[in-house]
PDB file of N, CA and C in Angstrom:
ATOM      1  N   MET A   1     198.338  17.382   4.169  1.00  0.00           N
ATOM      2  CA  MET A   1     198.450  18.973   3.967  1.00  0.00           C
ATOM      3  C   MET A   1     199.749  19.585   5.290  1.00  0.00           C
ATOM      4  N   LYS A   2     199.889  20.512   4.887  1.00  0.00           N
ATOM      5  CA  LYS A   2     201.487  20.872   6.173  1.00  0.00           C
ATOM      6  C   LYS A   2     200.264  21.744   6.583  1.00  0.00           C
ATOM      7  N   ASP A   3     201.128  22.554   8.055  1.00  0.00           N
ATOM      8  CA  ASP A   3     200.823  22.617   8.371  1.00  0.00           C
ATOM      9  C   ASP A   3     201.458  24.248   7.887  1.00  0.00           C
ATOM     10  N   GLN A   4     201.976  24.579   7.272  1.00  0.00           N
ATOM     11  CA  GLN A   4     203.012  25.260   6.491  1.00  0.00           C
ATOM     12  C   GLN A   4     201.798  25.883   5.510  1.00  0.00           C
ATOM     13  N   ASP A   5     201.307  25.141   5.216  1.00  0.00           N
ATOM     14  CA  ASP A   5     200.317  25.780   3.267  1.00  0.00           C
ATOM     15  C   ASP A   5     199.054  26.424   4.699  1.00  0.00           C
ATOM     16  N   MET A   6     198.484  26.159   5.101  1.00  0.00           N
ATOM     17  CA  MET A   6     197.911  26.552   6.166  1.00  0.00           C
ATOM     18  C   MET A   6     197.222  28.883   6.235  1.00  0.00           C
ATOM     19  N   VAL A   7     197.116  29.298   6.292  1.00  0.00           N
ATOM     20  CA  VAL A   7     196.239  30.851   6.043  1.00  0.00           C
ATOM     21  C   VAL A   7     196.384  30.558   7.660  1.00  0.00           C
ATOM     22  N   SER A   8     196.671  31.427   8.006  1.00  0.00           N
ATOM     23  CA  SER A   8     196.644  31.677   9.577  1.00  0.00           C
ATOM     24  C   SER A   8     195.972  33.216   9.326  1.00  0.00           C
ATOM     25  N   LEU A   9     194.263  33.503  10.887  1.00  0.00           N
ATOM     26  CA  LEU A   9     193.340  34.495  10.856  1.00  0.00           C
ATOM     27  C   LEU A   9     194.307  35.332  11.155  1.00  0.00           C
ATOM     28  N   THR A  10     194.442  36.783  11.165  1.00  0.00           N
ATOM     29  CA  THR A  10     193.969  37.675  12.896  1.00  0.00           C
ATOM     30  C   THR A  10     192.798  37.738  13.344  1.00  0.00           C
ATOM     31  N   GLU A  11     192.758  38.424  14.693  1.00  0.00           N
ATOM     32  CA  GLU A  11     191.489  38.385  15.541  1.00  0.00           C
ATOM     33  C   GLU A  11     191.103  38.902  14.794  1.00  0.00           C
ATOM     34  N   THR A  12     191.043  39.491  14.275  1.00  0.00           N
ATOM     35  CA  THR A  12     190.632  40.819  13.339  1.00  0.00           C
ATOM     36  C   THR A  12     189.517  40.363  11.954  1.00  0.00           C
ATOM     37  N   GLN A  13     190.143  39.167  11.353  1.00  0.00           N
ATOM     38  CA  GLN A  13     190.030  38.057  11.018  1.00  0.00           C
ATOM     39  C   GLN A  13     187.860  37.617  10.624  1.00  0.00           C
ATOM     40  N   LYS A  14     189.302  36.924  12.236  1.00  0.00           N
ATOM     41  CA  LYS A  14     187.642  36.031  12.443  1.00  0.00           C
ATOM     42  C   LYS A  14     187.079  36.190  13.112  1.00  0.00           C
ATOM     43  N   LYS A  15     187.473  38.110  14.256  1.00  0.00           N
ATOM     44  CA  LYS A  15     185.414  38.816  14.596  1.00  0.00           C
ATOM     45  C   LYS A  15     185.789  39.146  13.090  1.00  0.00           C
ATOM     46  N   ALA A  16     185.560  39.773  11.988  1.00  0.00           N
ATOM     47  CA  ALA A  16     184.659  39.465  10.577  1.00  0.00           C
ATOM     48  C   ALA A  16     184.210  38.629  10.456  1.00  0.00           C
ATOM     49  N   ARG A  17     183.966  37.747  10.447  1.00  0.00           N
ATOM     50  CA  ARG A  17     184.002  36.289   9.887  1.00  0.00           C
ATOM     51  C   ARG A  17     183.383  35.382  10.903  1.00  0.00           C
ATOM     52  N   ARG A  18     183.040  36.121  12.384  1.00  0.00           N
ATOM     53  CA  ARG A  18     182.228  35.549  13.266  1.00  0.00           C
ATOM     54  C   ARG A  18     180.798  36.175  13.103  1.00  0.00           C
ATOM     55  N   SER A  19     181.303  37.402  12.789  1.00  0.00           N
ATOM     56  CA  SER A  19     180.058  38.623  12.931  1.00  0.00           C
ATOM     57  C   SER A  19     179.606  38.679  11.000  1.00  0.00           C
ATOM     58  N   ARG A  20     179.694  38.169   9.961  1.00  0.00           N
ATOM     59  CA  ARG A  20     179.285  37.273   8.495  1.00  0.00           C
ATOM     60  C   ARG A  20     178.731  36.901   8.806  1.00  0.00           C
ATOM     61  N   SER A  21     179.449  35.662   9.763  1.00  0.00           N
ATOM     62  CA  SER A  21     178.480  34.042  10.072  1.00  0.00           C
ATOM     63  C   SER A  21     177.226  34.372  10.645  1.00  0.00           C
ATOM     64  N   LYS A  22     176.987  34.951  11.661  1.00  0.00           N
ATOM     65  CA  LYS A  22     176.424  36.086  12.657  1.00  0.00           C
ATOM     66  C   LYS A  22     174.895  36.548  11.253  1.00  0.00           C
ATOM     67  N   ALA A  23     175.702  38.074  10.556  1.00  0.00           N
ATOM     68  CA  ALA A  23     174.660  38.398   9.857  1.00  0.00           C
ATOM     69  C   ALA A  23     173.464  37.275   9.672  1.00  0.00           C
ATOM     70  N   ILE A  24     174.369  36.206   8.338  1.00  0.00           N
ATOM     71  CA  ILE A  24     174.323  35.144   6.952  1.00  0.00           C
ATOM     72  C   ILE A  24     173.484  34.475   7.680  1.00  0.00           C
ATOM     73  N   GLY A  25     173.239  34.196   9.495  1.00  0.00           N
ATOM     74  CA  GLY A  25     172.586  32.687  10.126  1.00  0.00           C
ATOM     75  C   GLY A  25     171.277  33.918  10.840  1.00  0.00           C
ATOM     76  N   PHE A  26     170.727  35.041  10.942  1.00  0.00           N
ATOM     77  CA  PHE A  26     169.948  35.797  11.263  1.00  0.00           C
ATOM     78  C   PHE A  26     168.967  36.197   9.903  1.00  0.00           C
ATOM     79  N   ALA A  27     169.715  36.489   8.803  1.00  0.00           N
ATOM     80  CA  ALA A  27     169.069  36.860   7.846  1.00  0.00           C
ATOM     81  C   ALA A  27     168.246  35.305   6.844  1.00  0.00           C
ATOM     82  N   LEU A  28     168.777  33.573   7.499  1.00  0.00           N
ATOM     83  CA  LEU A  28     168.464  33.033   6.791  1.00  0.00           C
ATOM     84  C   LEU A  28     166.913  32.580   8.324  1.00  0.00           C
ATOM     85  N   ALA A  29     167.608  32.819   8.775  1.00  0.00           N
ATOM     86  CA  ALA A  29     166.081  32.703  10.351  1.00  0.00           C
ATOM     87  C   ALA A  29     164.900  33.259  10.422  1.00  0.00           C
ATOM     88  N   ALA A  30     165.477  35.050   9.679  1.00  0.00           N
ATOM     89  CA  ALA A  30     163.840  35.242   8.946  1.00  0.00           C
ATOM     90  C   ALA A  30     163.355  35.105   7.944  1.00  0.00           C
ATOM     91  N   LEU A  31     164.184  34.225   7.185  1.00  0.00           N
ATOM     92  CA  LEU A  31     163.455  34.002   5.665  1.00  0.00           C
ATOM     93  C   LEU A  31     163.069  32.862   6.270  1.00  0.00           C
ATOM     94  N   VAL A  32     163.028  32.296   6.634  1.00  0.00           N
ATOM     95  CA  VAL A  32     161.935  30.856   7.841  1.00  0.00           C
ATOM     96  C   VAL A  32     160.850  31.553   7.962  1.00  0.00           C
ATOM     97  N   VAL A  33     160.965  32.331   8.672  1.00  0.00           N
ATOM     98  CA  VAL A  33     159.809  32.757   9.385  1.00  0.00           C
ATOM     99  C   VAL A  33     158.660  33.874   8.651  1.00  0.00           C
ATOM    100  N   ILE A  34     159.192  34.844   7.194  1.00  0.00           N
ATOM    101  CA  ILE A  34     158.767  35.206   6.190  1.00  0.00           C
ATOM    102  C   ILE A  34     158.122  34.030   4.946  1.00  0.00           C
ATOM    103  N   PHE A  35     158.642  33.254   5.267  1.00  0.00           N
ATOM    104  CA  PHE A  35     157.489  32.179   4.447  1.00  0.00           C
ATOM    105  C   PHE A  35     156.802  31.553   5.291  1.00  0.00           C
ATOM    106  N   TYR A  36     157.196  31.074   6.718  1.00  0.00           N
ATOM    107  CA  TYR A  36     156.422  30.094   7.451  1.00  0.00           C
ATOM    108  C   TYR A  36     154.851  31.518   7.593  1.00  0.00           C
ATOM    109  N   VAL A  37     155.077  32.475   7.514  1.00  0.00           N
ATOM    110  CA  VAL A  37     153.937  33.792   8.431  1.00  0.00           C
ATOM    111  C   VAL A  37     153.589  33.777   6.481  1.00  0.00           C
ATOM    112  N   ALA A  38     153.380  33.795   5.328  1.00  0.00           N
ATOM    113  CA  ALA A  38     153.619  33.696   3.914  1.00  0.00           C
ATOM    114  C   ALA A  38     152.631  33.086   3.893  1.00  0.00           C
ATOM    115  N   THR A  39     152.903  31.890   4.054  1.00  0.00           N
ATOM    116  CA  THR A  39     152.226  29.998   4.037  1.00  0.00           C
ATOM    117  C   THR A  39     150.860  30.193   5.216  1.00  0.00           C
ATOM    118  N   ILE A  40     150.898  30.553   5.773  1.00  0.00           N
ATOM    119  CA  ILE A  40     148.869  30.673   7.097  1.00  0.00           C
ATOM    120  C   ILE A  40     148.387  31.789   6.690  1.00  0.00           C
ATOM    121  N   VAL A  41     149.113  32.902   6.074  1.00  0.00           N
ATOM    122  CA  VAL A  41     148.341  34.449   5.682  1.00  0.00           C
ATOM    123  C   VAL A  41     147.698  33.403   3.950  1.00  0.00           C
ATOM    124  N   LYS A  42     148.526  33.022   2.971  1.00  0.00           N
ATOM    125  CA  LYS A  42     147.681  32.149   1.865  1.00  0.00           C
ATOM    126  C   LYS A  42     146.716  31.217   2.369  1.00  0.00           C
ATOM    127  N   PHE A  43     147.543  30.081   3.429  1.00  0.00           N
ATOM    128  CA  PHE A  43     146.769  28.597   3.233  1.00  0.00           C
ATOM    129  C   PHE A  43     144.874  29.310   4.738  1.00  0.00           C
ATOM    130  N   GLY A  44     145.418  30.562   5.169  1.00  0.00           N
ATOM    131  CA  GLY A  44     144.508  31.164   6.210  1.00  0.00           C
ATOM    132  C   GLY A  44     145.251  29.680   7.746  1.00  0.00           C
ATOM    133  N   PRO A  45     144.257  29.586   8.974  1.00  0.00           N
ATOM    134  CA  PRO A  45     144.333  29.463  10.196  1.00  0.00           C
ATOM    135  C   PRO A  45     143.955  27.917   9.982  1.00  0.00           C
ATOM    136  N   ALA A  46     143.319  27.431   9.212  1.00  0.00           N
ATOM    137  CA  ALA A  46     142.511  26.490   9.517  1.00  0.00           C
ATOM    138  C   ALA A  46     143.887  25.653   8.619  1.00  0.00           C
ATOM    139  N   ILE A  47     144.998  25.582   7.958  1.00  0.00           N
ATOM    140  CA  ILE A  47     145.957  25.023   7.934  1.00  0.00           C
ATOM    141  C   ILE A  47     146.250  24.147   8.772  1.00  0.00           C
ATOM    142  N   LEU A  48     145.995  24.277  10.187  1.00  0.00           N
ATOM    143  CA  LEU A  48     146.751  24.430  11.141  1.00  0.00           C
ATOM    144  C   LEU A  48     145.862  22.428  11.666  1.00  0.00           C
ATOM    145  N   ASN A  49     144.255  22.715  10.841  1.00  0.00           N
ATOM    146  CA  ASN A  49     143.535  21.750  11.773  1.00  0.00           C
ATOM    147  C   ASN A  49     143.320  20.768  10.731  1.00  0.00           C
ATOM    148  N   ARG A  50     143.973  20.286   9.967  1.00  0.00           N
ATOM    149  CA  ARG A  50     143.793  18.849   9.354  1.00  0.00           C
ATOM    150  C   ARG A  50     144.424  17.852   9.598  1.00  0.00           C
ATOM    151  N   PRO A  51     143.030  16.544   9.662  1.00  0.00           N
ATOM    152  CA  PRO A  51     144.006  15.696   9.527  1.00  0.00           C
ATOM    153  C   PRO A  51     144.829  14.346  10.183  1.00  0.00           C
ATOM    154  N   MET A  52     145.472  14.285  10.497  1.00  0.00           N
ATOM    155  CA  MET A  52     146.679  13.446  10.920  1.00  0.00           C
ATOM    156  C   MET A  52     145.994  12.074  10.182  1.00  0.00           C
TER     157      MET A  52
END
């Protein structure tokens, strides 16, 4: 692929992309925390004391 075929983003577009990426990352991290807390609440703290 040639460099002429690629689109170059402006600084404003790059900043917007970074902001969206951060927002998606934070949303995914929050979802993981919510699922973890929901699992602990559903099964209780005894789930951490199971034998290996």
